[in-house]
PDB file of N, CA and C in Angstrom:
ATOM      1  N   UNK A   1     267.829-269.836-102.483  1.00  0.00           N
ATOM      2  CA  UNK A   1     268.354-268.484-102.491  1.00  0.00           C
ATOM      3  C   UNK A   1     268.254-267.850-101.106  1.00  0.00           C
ATOM      4  N   UNK A   2     267.505-268.436-100.220  1.00  0.00           N
ATOM      5  CA  UNK A   2     267.279-267.797 -98.925  1.00  0.00           C
ATOM      6  C   UNK A   2     268.246-268.264 -97.844  1.00  0.00           C
ATOM      7  N   UNK A   3     268.978-269.352 -98.057  1.00  0.00           N
ATOM      8  CA  UNK A   3     269.781-269.910 -96.975  1.00  0.00           C
ATOM      9  C   UNK A   3     271.243-269.488 -96.979  1.00  0.00           C
ATOM     10  N   UNK A   4     271.869-269.408 -98.115  1.00  0.00           N
ATOM     11  CA  UNK A   4     273.290-269.113 -98.190  1.00  0.00           C
ATOM     12  C   UNK A   4     273.519-267.607 -98.213  1.00  0.00           C
ATOM     13  N   UNK A   5     274.378-267.121 -97.317  1.00  0.00           N
ATOM     14  CA  UNK A   5     274.596-265.668 -97.224  1.00  0.00           C
ATOM     15  C   UNK A   5     275.231-265.099 -98.502  1.00  0.00           C
ATOM     16  N   UNK A   6     276.110-265.881 -99.140  1.00  0.00           N
ATOM     17  CA  UNK A   6     276.730-265.395-100.379  1.00  0.00           C
ATOM     18  C   UNK A   6     275.689-265.267-101.488  1.00  0.00           C
ATOM     19  N   UNK A   7     274.778-266.234-101.537  1.00  0.00           N
ATOM     20  CA  UNK A   7     273.726-266.184-102.548  1.00  0.00           C
ATOM     21  C   UNK A   7     272.783-265.022-102.296  1.00  0.00           C
ATOM     22  N   UNK A   8     272.422-264.802-101.039  1.00  0.00           N
ATOM     23  CA  UNK A   8     271.555-263.658-100.705  1.00  0.00           C
ATOM     24  C   UNK A   8     272.206-262.347-101.111  1.00  0.00           C
ATOM     25  N   UNK A   9     273.505-262.212-100.862  1.00  0.00           N
ATOM     26  CA  UNK A   9     274.222-260.980-101.242  1.00  0.00           C
ATOM     27  C   UNK A   9     274.227-260.823-102.766  1.00  0.00           C
ATOM     28  N   UNK A  10     274.427-261.937-103.475  1.00  0.00           N
ATOM     29  CA  UNK A  10     274.429-261.899-104.932  1.00  0.00           C
ATOM     30  C   UNK A  10     273.055-261.480-105.458  1.00  0.00           C
ATOM     31  N   UNK A  11     271.995-262.078-104.913  1.00  0.00           N
ATOM     32  CA  UNK A  11     270.637-261.759-105.347  1.00  0.00           C
ATOM     33  C   UNK A  11     270.336-260.281-105.084  1.00  0.00           C
ATOM     34  N   UNK A  12     270.726-259.793-103.930  1.00  0.00           N
ATOM     35  CA  UNK A  12     270.503-258.385-103.597  1.00  0.00           C
ATOM     36  C   UNK A  12     271.228-257.483-104.575  1.00  0.00           C
ATOM     37  N   UNK A  13     272.479-257.814-104.856  1.00  0.00           N
ATOM     38  CA  UNK A  13     273.272-256.995-105.794  1.00  0.00           C
ATOM     39  C   UNK A  13     272.652-257.004-107.190  1.00  0.00           C
ATOM     40  N   UNK A  14     272.281-258.173-107.681  1.00  0.00           N
ATOM     41  CA  UNK A  14     271.699-258.279-109.021  1.00  0.00           C
ATOM     42  C   UNK A  14     270.326-257.605-109.099  1.00  0.00           C
ATOM     43  N   UNK A  15     269.556-257.673-108.010  1.00  0.00           N
ATOM     44  CA  UNK A  15     268.246-257.013-107.985  1.00  0.00           C
ATOM     45  C   UNK A  15     268.433-255.504-108.092  1.00  0.00           C
ATOM     46  N   UNK A  16     269.422-254.973-107.368  1.00  0.00           N
ATOM     47  CA  UNK A  16     269.719-253.537-107.458  1.00  0.00           C
ATOM     48  C   UNK A  16     270.128-253.131-108.866  1.00  0.00           C
ATOM     49  N   UNK A  17     270.747-254.065-109.595  1.00  0.00           N
ATOM     50  CA  UNK A  17     271.156-253.799-110.981  1.00  0.00           C
ATOM     51  C   UNK A  17     269.967-253.846-111.936  1.00  0.00           C
ATOM     52  N   UNK A  18     268.798-254.238-111.424  1.00  0.00           N
ATOM     53  CA  UNK A  18     267.600-254.265-112.248  1.00  0.00           C
ATOM     54  C   UNK A  18     267.311-255.607-112.893  1.00  0.00           C
ATOM     55  N   UNK A  19     268.008-256.650-112.480  1.00  0.00           N
ATOM     56  CA  UNK A  19     267.771-257.976-113.055  1.00  0.00           C
ATOM     57  C   UNK A  19     266.501-258.584-112.466  1.00  0.00           C
ATOM     58  N   UNK A  20     265.817-259.377-113.271  1.00  0.00           N
ATOM     59  CA  UNK A  20     264.598-260.042-112.802  1.00  0.00           C
ATOM     60  C   UNK A  20     264.966-261.304-112.033  1.00  0.00           C
ATOM     61  N   UNK A  21     264.011-261.815-111.272  1.00  0.00           N
ATOM     62  CA  UNK A  21     264.243-263.048-110.525  1.00  0.00           C
ATOM     63  C   UNK A  21     264.578-264.191-111.476  1.00  0.00           C
ATOM     64  N   UNK A  22     263.918-264.219-112.592  1.00  0.00           N
ATOM     65  CA  UNK A  22     264.177-265.262-113.584  1.00  0.00           C
ATOM     66  C   UNK A  22     265.623-265.194-114.091  1.00  0.00           C
ATOM     67  N   UNK A  23     266.112-263.990-114.376  1.00  0.00           N
ATOM     68  CA  UNK A  23     267.502-263.826-114.816  1.00  0.00           C
ATOM     69  C   UNK A  23     268.474-264.260-113.724  1.00  0.00           C
ATOM     70  N   UNK A  24     268.186-263.847-112.497  1.00  0.00           N
ATOM     71  CA  UNK A  24     269.073-264.171-111.379  1.00  0.00           C
ATOM     72  C   UNK A  24     269.169-265.680-111.191  1.00  0.00           C
ATOM     73  N   UNK A  25     268.052-266.366-111.272  1.00  0.00           N
ATOM     74  CA  UNK A  25     268.054-267.826-111.138  1.00  0.00           C
ATOM     75  C   UNK A  25     268.860-268.460-112.266  1.00  0.00           C
ATOM     76  N   UNK A  26     268.734-267.942-113.459  1.00  0.00           N
ATOM     77  CA  UNK A  26     269.501-268.460-114.593  1.00  0.00           C
ATOM     78  C   UNK A  26     271.005-268.269-114.343  1.00  0.00           C
ATOM     79  N   UNK A  27     271.407-267.080-113.852  1.00  0.00           N
ATOM     80  CA  UNK A  27     272.813-266.821-113.538  1.00  0.00           C
ATOM     81  C   UNK A  27     273.315-267.771-112.455  1.00  0.00           C
ATOM     82  N   UNK A  28     272.475-267.994-111.439  1.00  0.00           N
ATOM     83  CA  UNK A  28     272.865-268.887-110.350  1.00  0.00           C
ATOM     84  C   UNK A  28     273.031-270.323-110.841  1.00  0.00           C
ATOM     85  N   UNK A  29     272.137-270.764-111.719  1.00  0.00           N
ATOM     86  CA  UNK A  29     272.257-272.117-112.268  1.00  0.00           C
ATOM     87  C   UNK A  29     273.566-272.277-113.034  1.00  0.00           C
ATOM     88  N   UNK A  30     273.925-271.258-113.789  1.00  0.00           N
ATOM     89  CA  UNK A  30     275.196-271.312-114.525  1.00  0.00           C
ATOM     90  C   UNK A  30     276.378-271.362-113.567  1.00  0.00           C
ATOM     91  N   UNK A  31     276.315-270.558-112.517  1.00  0.00           N
ATOM     92  CA  UNK A  31     277.405-270.539-111.531  1.00  0.00           C
ATOM     93  C   UNK A  31     277.538-271.896-110.842  1.00  0.00           C
ATOM     94  N   UNK A  32     276.407-272.500-110.494  1.00  0.00           N
ATOM     95  CA  UNK A  32     276.434-273.816-109.860  1.00  0.00           C
ATOM     96  C   UNK A  32     277.008-274.842-110.822  1.00  0.00           C
ATOM     97  N   UNK A  33     276.608-274.789-112.078  1.00  0.00           N
ATOM     98  CA  UNK A  33     277.117-275.732-113.075  1.00  0.00           C
ATOM     99  C   UNK A  33     278.637-275.589-113.224  1.00  0.00           C
ATOM    100  N   UNK A  34     279.140-274.353-113.221  1.00  0.00           N
ATOM    101  CA  UNK A  34     280.588-274.136-113.314  1.00  0.00           C
ATOM    102  C   UNK A  34     281.303-274.719-112.094  1.00  0.00           C
ATOM    103  N   UNK A  35     280.738-274.494-110.917  1.00  0.00           N
ATOM    104  CA  UNK A  35     281.366-275.011-109.692  1.00  0.00           C
ATOM    105  C   UNK A  35     281.356-276.532-109.670  1.00  0.00           C
ATOM    106  N   UNK A  36     280.244-277.131-110.036  1.00  0.00           N
ATOM    107  CA  UNK A  36     280.154-278.592-110.050  1.00  0.00           C
ATOM    108  C   UNK A  36     281.148-279.171-111.054  1.00  0.00           C
ATOM    109  N   UNK A  37     281.225-278.590-112.238  1.00  0.00           N
ATOM    110  CA  UNK A  37     282.168-279.078-113.246  1.00  0.00           C
ATOM    111  C   UNK A  37     283.598-278.977-112.717  1.00  0.00           C
ATOM    112  N   UNK A  38     283.921-277.835-112.101  1.00  0.00           N
ATOM    113  CA  UNK A  38     285.268-277.660-111.563  1.00  0.00           C
ATOM    114  C   UNK A  38     285.572-278.701-110.483  1.00  0.00           C
ATOM    115  N   UNK A  39     284.619-278.949-109.590  1.00  0.00           N
ATOM    116  CA  UNK A  39     284.830-279.935-108.530  1.00  0.00           C
ATOM    117  C   UNK A  39     284.948-281.355-109.084  1.00  0.00           C
ATOM    118  N   UNK A  40     284.216-281.637-110.151  1.00  0.00           N
ATOM    119  CA  UNK A  40     284.309-282.965-110.753  1.00  0.00           C
ATOM    120  C   UNK A  40     285.644-283.174-111.446  1.00  0.00           C
ATOM    121  N   UNK A  41     286.153-282.126-112.060  1.00  0.00           N
ATOM    122  CA  UNK A  41     287.415-282.253-112.796  1.00  0.00           C
ATOM    123  C   UNK A  41     288.644-281.988-111.926  1.00  0.00           C
ATOM    124  N   UNK A  42     288.459-281.310-110.799  1.00  0.00           N
ATOM    125  CA  UNK A  42     289.555-281.003-109.865  1.00  0.00           C
ATOM    126  C   UNK A  42     289.087-281.260-108.429  1.00  0.00           C
ATOM    127  N   UNK A  43     288.895-282.520-108.055  1.00  0.00           N
ATOM    128  CA  UNK A  43     288.360-282.805-106.714  1.00  0.00           C
ATOM    129  C   UNK A  43     289.305-282.307-105.616  1.00  0.00           C
ATOM    130  N   UNK A  44     288.708-281.746-104.569  1.00  0.00           N
ATOM    131  CA  UNK A  44     289.452-281.238-103.423  1.00  0.00           C
ATOM    132  C   UNK A  44     289.096-282.070-102.198  1.00  0.00           C
ATOM    133  N   UNK A  45     290.082-282.388-101.372  1.00  0.00           N
ATOM    134  CA  UNK A  45     289.747-283.129-100.155  1.00  0.00           C
ATOM    135  C   UNK A  45     288.960-282.245 -99.198  1.00  0.00           C
ATOM    136  N   UNK A  46     288.086-282.854 -98.432  1.00  0.00           N
ATOM    137  CA  UNK A  46     287.310-282.111 -97.447  1.00  0.00           C
ATOM    138  C   UNK A  46     288.225-281.651 -96.321  1.00  0.00           C
ATOM    139  N   UNK A  47     287.854-280.562 -95.676  1.00  0.00           N
ATOM    140  CA  UNK A  47     288.606-280.085 -94.523  1.00  0.00           C
ATOM    141  C   UNK A  47     288.520-281.146 -93.431  1.00  0.00           C
ATOM    142  N   UNK A  48     289.654-281.471 -92.851  1.00  0.00           N
ATOM    143  CA  UNK A  48     289.686-282.489 -91.805  1.00  0.00           C
ATOM    144  C   UNK A  48     288.933-282.009 -90.568  1.00  0.00           C
ATOM    145  N   UNK A  49     288.132-282.889 -90.011  1.00  0.00           N
ATOM    146  CA  UNK A  49     287.377-282.538 -88.812  1.00  0.00           C
ATOM    147  C   UNK A  49     287.990-283.194 -87.584  1.00  0.00           C
ATOM    148  N   UNK A  50     289.096-283.897 -87.769  1.00  0.00           N
ATOM    149  CA  UNK A  50     289.729-284.545 -86.627  1.00  0.00           C
ATOM    150  C   UNK A  50     290.176-283.491 -85.624  1.00  0.00           C
ATOM    151  N   UNK A  51     289.976-283.802 -84.390  1.00  0.00           N
ATOM    152  CA  UNK A  51     290.427-282.914 -83.330  1.00  0.00           C
ATOM    153  C   UNK A  51     289.404-281.906 -82.848  1.00  0.00           C
ATOM    154  N   UNK A  52     288.299-281.728 -83.554  1.00  0.00           N
ATOM    155  CA  UNK A  52     287.308-280.750 -83.118  1.00  0.00           C
ATOM    156  C   UNK A  52     286.705-281.149 -81.775  1.00  0.00           C
ATOM    157  N   UNK A  53     286.266-282.394 -81.678  1.00  0.00           N
ATOM    158  CA  UNK A  53     285.644-282.853 -80.432  1.00  0.00           C
ATOM    159  C   UNK A  53     286.667-282.839 -79.293  1.00  0.00           C
ATOM    160  N   UNK A  54     287.883-283.290 -79.582  1.00  0.00           N
ATOM    161  CA  UNK A  54     288.933-283.298 -78.567  1.00  0.00           C
ATOM    162  C   UNK A  54     289.218-281.884 -78.070  1.00  0.00           C
ATOM    163  N   UNK A  55     289.319-280.935 -78.989  1.00  0.00           N
ATOM    164  CA  UNK A  55     289.587-279.545 -78.609  1.00  0.00           C
ATOM    165  C   UNK A  55     288.446-278.984 -77.769  1.00  0.00           C
ATOM    166  N   UNK A  56     287.219-279.282 -78.165  1.00  0.00           N
ATOM    167  CA  UNK A  56     286.059-278.784 -77.415  1.00  0.00           C
ATOM    168  C   UNK A  56     286.055-279.363 -76.007  1.00  0.00           C
ATOM    169  N   UNK A  57     286.301-280.656 -75.898  1.00  0.00           N
ATOM    170  CA  UNK A  57     286.288-281.296 -74.579  1.00  0.00           C
ATOM    171  C   UNK A  57     287.450-280.809 -73.713  1.00  0.00           C
ATOM    172  N   UNK A  58     288.600-280.567 -74.340  1.00  0.00           N
ATOM    173  CA  UNK A  58     289.749-280.065 -73.603  1.00  0.00           C
ATOM    174  C   UNK A  58     289.434-278.705 -72.969  1.00  0.00           C
ATOM    175  N   UNK A  59     288.613-277.924 -73.654  1.00  0.00           N
ATOM    176  CA  UNK A  59     288.205-276.616 -73.138  1.00  0.00           C
ATOM    177  C   UNK A  59     287.074-276.722 -72.126  1.00  0.00           C
ATOM    178  N   UNK A  60     286.547-277.938 -71.947  1.00  0.00           N
ATOM    179  CA  UNK A  60     285.473-278.150 -70.983  1.00  0.00           C
ATOM    180  C   UNK A  60     284.132-277.608 -71.455  1.00  0.00           C
ATOM    181  N   UNK A  61     283.920-277.591 -72.764  1.00  0.00           N
ATOM    182  CA  UNK A  61     282.688-277.054 -73.336  1.00  0.00           C
ATOM    183  C   UNK A  61     281.758-278.168 -73.780  1.00  0.00           C
ATOM    184  N   UNK A  62     280.478-277.980 -73.558  1.00  0.00           N
ATOM    185  CA  UNK A  62     279.484-278.938 -74.045  1.00  0.00           C
ATOM    186  C   UNK A  62     279.053-278.530 -75.450  1.00  0.00           C
ATOM    187  N   UNK A  63     278.392-279.445 -76.132  1.00  0.00           N
ATOM    188  CA  UNK A  63     277.850-279.110 -77.447  1.00  0.00           C
ATOM    189  C   UNK A  63     276.882-277.934 -77.350  1.00  0.00           C
ATOM    190  N   UNK A  64     276.089-277.895 -76.295  1.00  0.00           N
ATOM    191  CA  UNK A  64     275.139-276.787 -76.119  1.00  0.00           C
ATOM    192  C   UNK A  64     275.854-275.456 -75.940  1.00  0.00           C
ATOM    193  N   UNK A  65     276.947-275.440 -75.161  1.00  0.00           N
ATOM    194  CA  UNK A  65     277.725-274.213 -74.978  1.00  0.00           C
ATOM    195  C   UNK A  65     278.211-273.678 -76.318  1.00  0.00           C
ATOM    196  N   UNK A  66     278.779-274.563 -77.095  1.00  0.00           N
ATOM    197  CA  UNK A  66     279.340-274.162 -78.386  1.00  0.00           C
ATOM    198  C   UNK A  66     278.236-273.756 -79.351  1.00  0.00           C
ATOM    199  N   UNK A  67     277.139-274.504 -79.362  1.00  0.00           N
ATOM    200  CA  UNK A  67     276.036-274.212 -80.281  1.00  0.00           C
ATOM    201  C   UNK A  67     275.515-272.791 -80.059  1.00  0.00           C
ATOM    202  N   UNK A  68     275.364-272.401 -78.806  1.00  0.00           N
ATOM    203  CA  UNK A  68     274.889-271.049 -78.505  1.00  0.00           C
ATOM    204  C   UNK A  68     275.921-270.023 -78.971  1.00  0.00           C
ATOM    205  N   UNK A  69     277.196-270.296 -78.720  1.00  0.00           N
ATOM    206  CA  UNK A  69     278.253-269.338 -79.049  1.00  0.00           C
ATOM    207  C   UNK A  69     278.440-269.146 -80.554  1.00  0.00           C
ATOM    208  N   UNK A  70     278.290-270.211 -81.335  1.00  0.00           N
ATOM    209  CA  UNK A  70     278.524-270.107 -82.780  1.00  0.00           C
ATOM    210  C   UNK A  70     277.227-270.040 -83.579  1.00  0.00           C
ATOM    211  N   UNK A  71     276.116-269.868 -82.878  1.00  0.00           N
ATOM    212  CA  UNK A  71     274.804-269.715 -83.520  1.00  0.00           C
ATOM    213  C   UNK A  71     274.478-270.897 -84.426  1.00  0.00           C
ATOM    214  N   UNK A  72     274.503-272.077 -83.825  1.00  0.00           N
ATOM    215  CA  UNK A  72     274.189-273.303 -84.549  1.00  0.00           C
ATOM    216  C   UNK A  72     273.309-274.154 -83.646  1.00  0.00           C
ATOM    217  N   UNK A  73     273.256-275.446 -83.931  1.00  0.00           N
ATOM    218  CA  UNK A  73     272.528-276.335 -83.023  1.00  0.00           C
ATOM    219  C   UNK A  73     273.417-277.528 -82.680  1.00  0.00           C
ATOM    220  N   UNK A  74     273.212-278.113 -81.505  1.00  0.00           N
ATOM    221  CA  UNK A  74     274.079-279.200 -81.050  1.00  0.00           C
ATOM    222  C   UNK A  74     274.146-280.389 -82.008  1.00  0.00           C
ATOM    223  N   UNK A  75     273.035-280.719 -82.643  1.00  0.00           N
ATOM    224  CA  UNK A  75     273.050-281.883 -83.536  1.00  0.00           C
ATOM    225  C   UNK A  75     273.943-281.633 -84.749  1.00  0.00           C
ATOM    226  N   UNK A  76     273.942-280.412 -85.271  1.00  0.00           N
ATOM    227  CA  UNK A  76     274.821-280.092 -86.408  1.00  0.00           C
ATOM    228  C   UNK A  76     276.284-280.204 -85.986  1.00  0.00           C
ATOM    229  N   UNK A  77     276.599-279.701 -84.800  1.00  0.00           N
ATOM    230  CA  UNK A  77     277.967-279.787 -84.297  1.00  0.00           C
ATOM    231  C   UNK A  77     278.386-281.238 -84.092  1.00  0.00           C
ATOM    232  N   UNK A  78     277.495-282.043 -83.541  1.00  0.00           N
ATOM    233  CA  UNK A  78     277.805-283.446 -83.302  1.00  0.00           C
ATOM    234  C   UNK A  78     278.080-284.175 -84.622  1.00  0.00           C
ATOM    235  N   UNK A  79     277.229-283.956 -85.607  1.00  0.00           N
ATOM    236  CA  UNK A  79     277.432-284.588 -86.910  1.00  0.00           C
ATOM    237  C   UNK A  79     278.752-284.146 -87.531  1.00  0.00           C
ATOM    238  N   UNK A  80     279.068-282.881 -87.386  1.00  0.00           N
ATOM    239  CA  UNK A  80     280.311-282.338 -87.937  1.00  0.00           C
ATOM    240  C   UNK A  80     281.521-282.952 -87.234  1.00  0.00           C
ATOM    241  N   UNK A  81     281.485-282.995 -85.922  1.00  0.00           N
ATOM    242  CA  UNK A  81     282.603-283.550 -85.156  1.00  0.00           C
ATOM    243  C   UNK A  81     282.849-285.023 -85.471  1.00  0.00           C
ATOM    244  N   UNK A  82     281.791-285.751 -85.775  1.00  0.00           N
ATOM    245  CA  UNK A  82     281.931-287.177 -86.084  1.00  0.00           C
ATOM    246  C   UNK A  82     282.216-287.431 -87.559  1.00  0.00           C
ATOM    247  N   UNK A  83     282.258-286.371 -88.363  1.00  0.00           N
ATOM    248  CA  UNK A  83     282.562-286.527 -89.782  1.00  0.00           C
ATOM    249  C   UNK A  83     281.406-287.043 -90.599  1.00  0.00           C
ATOM    250  N   UNK A  84     280.180-286.914 -90.090  1.00  0.00           N
ATOM    251  CA  UNK A  84     279.004-287.427 -90.798  1.00  0.00           C
ATOM    252  C   UNK A  84     278.367-286.382 -91.709  1.00  0.00           C
ATOM    253  N   UNK A  85     278.806-285.134 -91.593  1.00  0.00           N
ATOM    254  CA  UNK A  85     278.350-284.079 -92.480  1.00  0.00           C
ATOM    255  C   UNK A  85     279.534-283.180 -92.780  1.00  0.00           C
ATOM    256  N   UNK A  86     279.469-282.482 -93.898  1.00  0.00           N
ATOM    257  CA  UNK A  86     280.577-281.629 -94.299  1.00  0.00           C
ATOM    258  C   UNK A  86     280.075-280.232 -94.620  1.00  0.00           C
ATOM    259  N   UNK A  87     280.713-279.260 -94.025  1.00  0.00           N
ATOM    260  CA  UNK A  87     280.436-277.853 -94.292  1.00  0.00           C
ATOM    261  C   UNK A  87     281.757-277.131 -94.064  1.00  0.00           C
ATOM    262  N   UNK A  88     282.519-276.944 -95.143  1.00  0.00           N
ATOM    263  CA  UNK A  88     283.871-276.409 -95.015  1.00  0.00           C
ATOM    264  C   UNK A  88     283.904-275.030 -94.367  1.00  0.00           C
ATOM    265  N   UNK A  89     282.972-274.147 -94.744  1.00  0.00           N
ATOM    266  CA  UNK A  89     282.951-272.804 -94.158  1.00  0.00           C
ATOM    267  C   UNK A  89     282.683-272.873 -92.655  1.00  0.00           C
ATOM    268  N   UNK A  90     281.688-273.654 -92.278  1.00  0.00           N
ATOM    269  CA  UNK A  90     281.345-273.761 -90.867  1.00  0.00           C
ATOM    270  C   UNK A  90     282.461-274.449 -90.082  1.00  0.00           C
ATOM    271  N   UNK A  91     283.072-275.482 -90.666  1.00  0.00           N
ATOM    272  CA  UNK A  91     284.174-276.172 -89.998  1.00  0.00           C
ATOM    273  C   UNK A  91     285.315-275.209 -89.714  1.00  0.00           C
ATOM    274  N   UNK A  92     285.654-274.391 -90.686  1.00  0.00           N
ATOM    275  CA  UNK A  92     286.734-273.414 -90.497  1.00  0.00           C
ATOM    276  C   UNK A  92     286.375-272.405 -89.412  1.00  0.00           C
ATOM    277  N   UNK A  93     285.126-271.918 -89.425  1.00  0.00           N
ATOM    278  CA  UNK A  93     284.688-270.975 -88.383  1.00  0.00           C
ATOM    279  C   UNK A  93     284.719-271.630 -87.013  1.00  0.00           C
ATOM    280  N   UNK A  94     284.247-272.856 -86.911  1.00  0.00           N
ATOM    281  CA  UNK A  94     284.208-273.590 -85.643  1.00  0.00           C
ATOM    282  C   UNK A  94     285.629-273.794 -85.116  1.00  0.00           C
ATOM    283  N   UNK A  95     286.544-274.247 -85.988  1.00  0.00           N
ATOM    284  CA  UNK A  95     287.932-274.472 -85.589  1.00  0.00           C
ATOM    285  C   UNK A  95     288.566-273.164 -85.111  1.00  0.00           C
ATOM    286  N   UNK A  96     288.315-272.071 -85.830  1.00  0.00           N
ATOM    287  CA  UNK A  96     288.843-270.752 -85.445  1.00  0.00           C
ATOM    288  C   UNK A  96     288.284-270.345 -84.079  1.00  0.00           C
ATOM    289  N   UNK A  97     286.994-270.543 -83.871  1.00  0.00           N
ATOM    290  CA  UNK A  97     286.369-270.187 -82.595  1.00  0.00           C
ATOM    291  C   UNK A  97     286.993-270.981 -81.456  1.00  0.00           C
ATOM    292  N   UNK A  98     287.215-272.285 -81.673  1.00  0.00           N
ATOM    293  CA  UNK A  98     287.833-273.104 -80.638  1.00  0.00           C
ATOM    294  C   UNK A  98     289.238-272.613 -80.304  1.00  0.00           C
ATOM    295  N   UNK A  99     289.996-272.237 -81.335  1.00  0.00           N
ATOM    296  CA  UNK A  99     291.351-271.708 -81.089  1.00  0.00           C
ATOM    297  C   UNK A  99     291.292-270.428 -80.266  1.00  0.00           C
ATOM    298  N   UNK A 100     290.332-269.554 -80.604  1.00  0.00           N
ATOM    299  CA  UNK A 100     290.186-268.311 -79.838  1.00  0.00           C
ATOM    300  C   UNK A 100     289.867-268.603 -78.378  1.00  0.00           C
ATOM    301  N   UNK A 101     289.036-269.597 -78.124  1.00  0.00           N
ATOM    302  CA  UNK A 101     288.684-269.932 -76.748  1.00  0.00           C
ATOM    303  C   UNK A 101     289.908-270.425 -76.002  1.00  0.00           C
ATOM    304  N   UNK A 102     290.767-271.162 -76.684  1.00  0.00           N
ATOM    305  CA  UNK A 102     291.983-271.668 -76.050  1.00  0.00           C
ATOM    306  C   UNK A 102     292.965-270.570 -75.705  1.00  0.00           C
ATOM    307  N   UNK A 103     293.005-269.520 -76.531  1.00  0.00           N
ATOM    308  CA  UNK A 103     293.952-268.433 -76.262  1.00  0.00           C
ATOM    309  C   UNK A 103     293.384-267.427 -75.269  1.00  0.00           C
ATOM    310  N   UNK A 104     292.062-267.301 -75.204  1.00  0.00           N
ATOM    311  CA  UNK A 104     291.477-266.327 -74.270  1.00  0.00           C
ATOM    312  C   UNK A 104     291.321-266.900 -72.887  1.00  0.00           C
ATOM    313  N   UNK A 105     291.391-268.211 -72.753  1.00  0.00           N
ATOM    314  CA  UNK A 105     291.254-268.829 -71.437  1.00  0.00           C
ATOM    315  C   UNK A 105     292.462-269.746 -71.205  1.00  0.00           C
ATOM    316  N   UNK A 106     293.607-269.170 -70.823  1.00  0.00           N
ATOM    317  CA  UNK A 106     294.831-269.966 -70.688  1.00  0.00           C
ATOM    318  C   UNK A 106     294.753-271.072 -69.652  1.00  0.00           C
ATOM    319  N   UNK A 107     293.825-271.013 -68.718  1.00  0.00           N
ATOM    320  CA  UNK A 107     293.689-272.070 -67.721  1.00  0.00           C
ATOM    321  C   UNK A 107     293.392-273.415 -68.386  1.00  0.00           C
ATOM    322  N   UNK A 108     292.669-273.368 -69.515  1.00  0.00           N
ATOM    323  CA  UNK A 108     292.339-274.592 -70.245  1.00  0.00           C
ATOM    324  C   UNK A 108     293.543-275.136 -71.004  1.00  0.00           C
ATOM    325  N   UNK A 109     294.500-274.278 -71.323  1.00  0.00           N
ATOM    326  CA  UNK A 109     295.677-274.725 -72.082  1.00  0.00           C
ATOM    327  C   UNK A 109     296.599-275.600 -71.246  1.00  0.00           C
ATOM    328  N   UNK A 110     296.543-275.474 -69.933  1.00  0.00           N
ATOM    329  CA  UNK A 110     297.425-276.240 -69.065  1.00  0.00           C
ATOM    330  C   UNK A 110     297.079-277.727 -69.070  1.00  0.00           C
ATOM    331  N   UNK A 111     295.851-278.061 -69.395  1.00  0.00           N
ATOM    332  CA  UNK A 111     295.413-279.462 -69.370  1.00  0.00           C
ATOM    333  C   UNK A 111     295.993-280.260 -70.499  1.00  0.00           C
TER     334      UNK A 111
END
């Protein structure tokens, strides 16, 4: 409950409604079960990570540069770029950030 921002927001909202921690955990378990069932019955392909490393290198950025900018760590970025880990939300944010860097620094677009 402490790591995912959506879960933290849900817990905060339910706590304000007067729900106990035990109730909140029960609600979360049900929500997870619904999501897992949906994913099992309607599998979705993972967001493609191809091109992330190429885009980063084209911009002349190191893993450390990007890690500081997107508030992550270089090892997570490396695993993501190589397709060894999957985090659809983070991948989308990372891809969006890279696009913004390309549009804000046109000198890199010429390469």
